[in-house]
C-alpha atoms as a PDB file:
ATOM      1  CA  MET A   1       0.000   0.000   0.000  1.00  0.00           C
ATOM      2  CA  ASP A   2       1.221   3.467  -0.859  1.00  0.00           C
ATOM      3  CA  PRO A   3       2.104   5.298   2.417  1.00  0.00           C
ATOM      4  CA  SER A   4       0.772   8.579   1.007  1.00  0.00           C
ATOM      5  CA  ALA A   5      -2.671   6.971   0.760  1.00  0.00           C
ATOM      6  CA  LEU A   6      -2.795   6.837   4.569  1.00  0.00           C
ATOM      7  CA  ASN A   7      -2.805  10.642   4.701  1.00  0.00           C
ATOM      8  CA  SER A   8      -5.250  11.225   1.888  1.00  0.00           C
ATOM      9  CA  PRO A   9      -8.153  13.660   2.308  1.00  0.00           C
ATOM     10  CA  GLU A  10     -10.553  10.871   1.324  1.00  0.00           C
ATOM     11  CA  LEU A  11      -9.320   8.653   4.156  1.00  0.00           C
ATOM     12  CA  GLU A  12      -9.521  11.519   6.641  1.00  0.00           C
ATOM     13  CA  ARG A  13     -13.078  12.305   5.531  1.00  0.00           C
ATOM     14  CA  PHE A  14     -14.033   8.628   5.781  1.00  0.00           C
ATOM     15  CA  LEU A  15     -12.597   8.342   9.298  1.00  0.00           C
ATOM     16  CA  THR A  16     -14.361  11.542  10.393  1.00  0.00           C
ATOM     17  CA  GLU A  17     -17.676  10.266   9.034  1.00  0.00           C
ATOM     18  CA  GLU A  18     -17.207   6.909  10.759  1.00  0.00           C
ATOM     19  CA  LYS A  19     -16.432   8.617  14.088  1.00  0.00           C
ATOM     20  CA  GLU A  20     -19.538  10.768  13.728  1.00  0.00           C
ATOM     21  CA  ARG A  21     -21.646   7.721  12.874  1.00  0.00           C
ATOM     22  CA  ALA A  22     -20.299   5.895  15.929  1.00  0.00           C
ATOM     23  CA  MET A  23     -21.079   8.897  18.145  1.00  0.00           C
ATOM     24  CA  VAL A  24     -24.653   9.065  16.845  1.00  0.00           C
ATOM     25  CA  ASN A  25     -25.128   5.326  17.407  1.00  0.00           C
ATOM     26  CA  GLU A  26     -23.784   5.636  20.946  1.00  0.00           C
ATOM     27  CA  MET A  27     -26.054   8.600  21.668  1.00  0.00           C
ATOM     28  CA  VAL A  28     -29.114   6.728  20.385  1.00  0.00           C
ATOM     29  CA  ALA A  29     -28.228   3.713  22.523  1.00  0.00           C
ATOM     30  CA  LYS A  30     -27.823   5.873  25.630  1.00  0.00           C
ATOM     31  CA  LEU A  31     -31.029   7.770  24.903  1.00  0.00           C
ATOM     32  CA  THR A  32     -32.945   4.543  24.385  1.00  0.00           C
ATOM     33  CA  SER A  33     -31.637   3.003  27.579  1.00  0.00           C
ATOM     34  CA  ALA A  34     -32.131   6.093  29.754  1.00  0.00           C
ATOM     35  CA  CYS A  35     -35.610   6.913  28.479  1.00  0.00           C
ATOM     36  CA  TRP A  36     -36.775   3.292  28.537  1.00  0.00           C
ATOM     37  CA  ASP A  37     -35.660   2.892  32.147  1.00  0.00           C
ATOM     38  CA  LYS A  38     -37.356   6.161  33.111  1.00  0.00           C
ATOM     39  CA  CYS A  39     -40.643   5.735  31.235  1.00  0.00           C
ATOM     40  CA  ILE A  40     -41.406   2.025  31.034  1.00  0.00           C
ATOM     41  CA  THR A  41     -42.121   0.979  34.596  1.00  0.00           C
ATOM     42  CA  SER A  42     -43.836  -2.334  33.968  1.00  0.00           C
ATOM     43  CA  THR A  43     -43.696  -5.092  31.396  1.00  0.00           C
ATOM     44  CA  PRO A  44     -44.774  -3.495  28.130  1.00  0.00           C
ATOM     45  CA  GLY A  45     -47.752  -4.866  26.287  1.00  0.00           C
ATOM     46  CA  SER A  46     -48.261  -4.900  22.546  1.00  0.00           C
ATOM     47  CA  LYS A  47     -48.639  -1.092  22.598  1.00  0.00           C
ATOM     48  CA  LEU A  48     -47.263   1.681  24.745  1.00  0.00           C
ATOM     49  CA  SER A  49     -49.739   3.501  26.947  1.00  0.00           C
ATOM     50  CA  SER A  50     -50.326   7.172  26.194  1.00  0.00           C
ATOM     51  CA  SER A  51     -48.403   8.169  29.339  1.00  0.00           C
ATOM     52  CA  GLU A  52     -45.449   5.952  28.347  1.00  0.00           C
ATOM     53  CA  SER A  53     -45.467   7.343  24.834  1.00  0.00           C
ATOM     54  CA  SER A  54     -45.614  10.909  26.111  1.00  0.00           C
ATOM     55  CA  CYS A  55     -42.850  10.241  28.620  1.00  0.00           C
ATOM     56  CA  LEU A  56     -40.610   8.719  25.928  1.00  0.00           C
ATOM     57  CA  SER A  57     -41.188  11.679  23.605  1.00  0.00           C
ATOM     58  CA  ASN A  58     -40.423  14.209  26.343  1.00  0.00           C
ATOM     59  CA  CYS A  59     -37.397  12.272  27.529  1.00  0.00           C
ATOM     60  CA  ALA A  60     -35.966  11.968  24.013  1.00  0.00           C
ATOM     61  CA  ARG A  61     -36.577  15.667  23.336  1.00  0.00           C
ATOM     62  CA  SER A  62     -34.856  16.652  26.581  1.00  0.00           C
ATOM     63  CA  TYR A  63     -31.945  14.319  25.891  1.00  0.00           C
ATOM     64  CA  MET A  64     -31.475  15.733  22.383  1.00  0.00           C
ATOM     65  CA  ASP A  65     -31.764  19.330  23.632  1.00  0.00           C
ATOM     66  CA  MET A  66     -29.144  18.687  26.301  1.00  0.00           C
ATOM     67  CA  SER A  67     -26.848  16.958  23.803  1.00  0.00           C
ATOM     68  CA  LEU A  68     -27.115  19.974  21.496  1.00  0.00           C
ATOM     69  CA  ILE A  69     -26.279  22.355  24.346  1.00  0.00           C
ATOM     70  CA  ILE A  70     -23.248  20.257  25.271  1.00  0.00           C
ATOM     71  CA  MET A  71     -22.033  20.082  21.649  1.00  0.00           C
ATOM     72  CA  LYS A  72     -22.372  23.858  21.261  1.00  0.00           C
ATOM     73  CA  ARG A  73     -20.466  24.352  24.505  1.00  0.00           C
ATOM     74  CA  PHE A  74     -17.611  22.136  23.303  1.00  0.00           C
ATOM     75  CA  GLN A  75     -17.533  23.935  19.948  1.00  0.00           C
ATOM     76  CA  SER A  76     -17.289  27.326  21.647  1.00  0.00           C
ATOM     77  CA  MET A  77     -14.284  26.075  23.624  1.00  0.00           C
ATOM     78  CA  ASN A  78     -12.276  25.467  20.445  1.00  0.00           C
END
């Protein structure tokens, strides 16, 4: 393999995209786990109750809002 290929812009872009994809997947997994534990207090049936559904929506929205605030804070530090 050509050593210059290891420093190519295409490889750097690919690695950046893969890191971002991994971060999104990790965030979704954390959101799912945290909100499920908070909102689903009994064994779920075939459908979520309206209160469970509402709780999950609010929890996910709050989680995403907080993640956005944290990302903006980190960006302002650079």
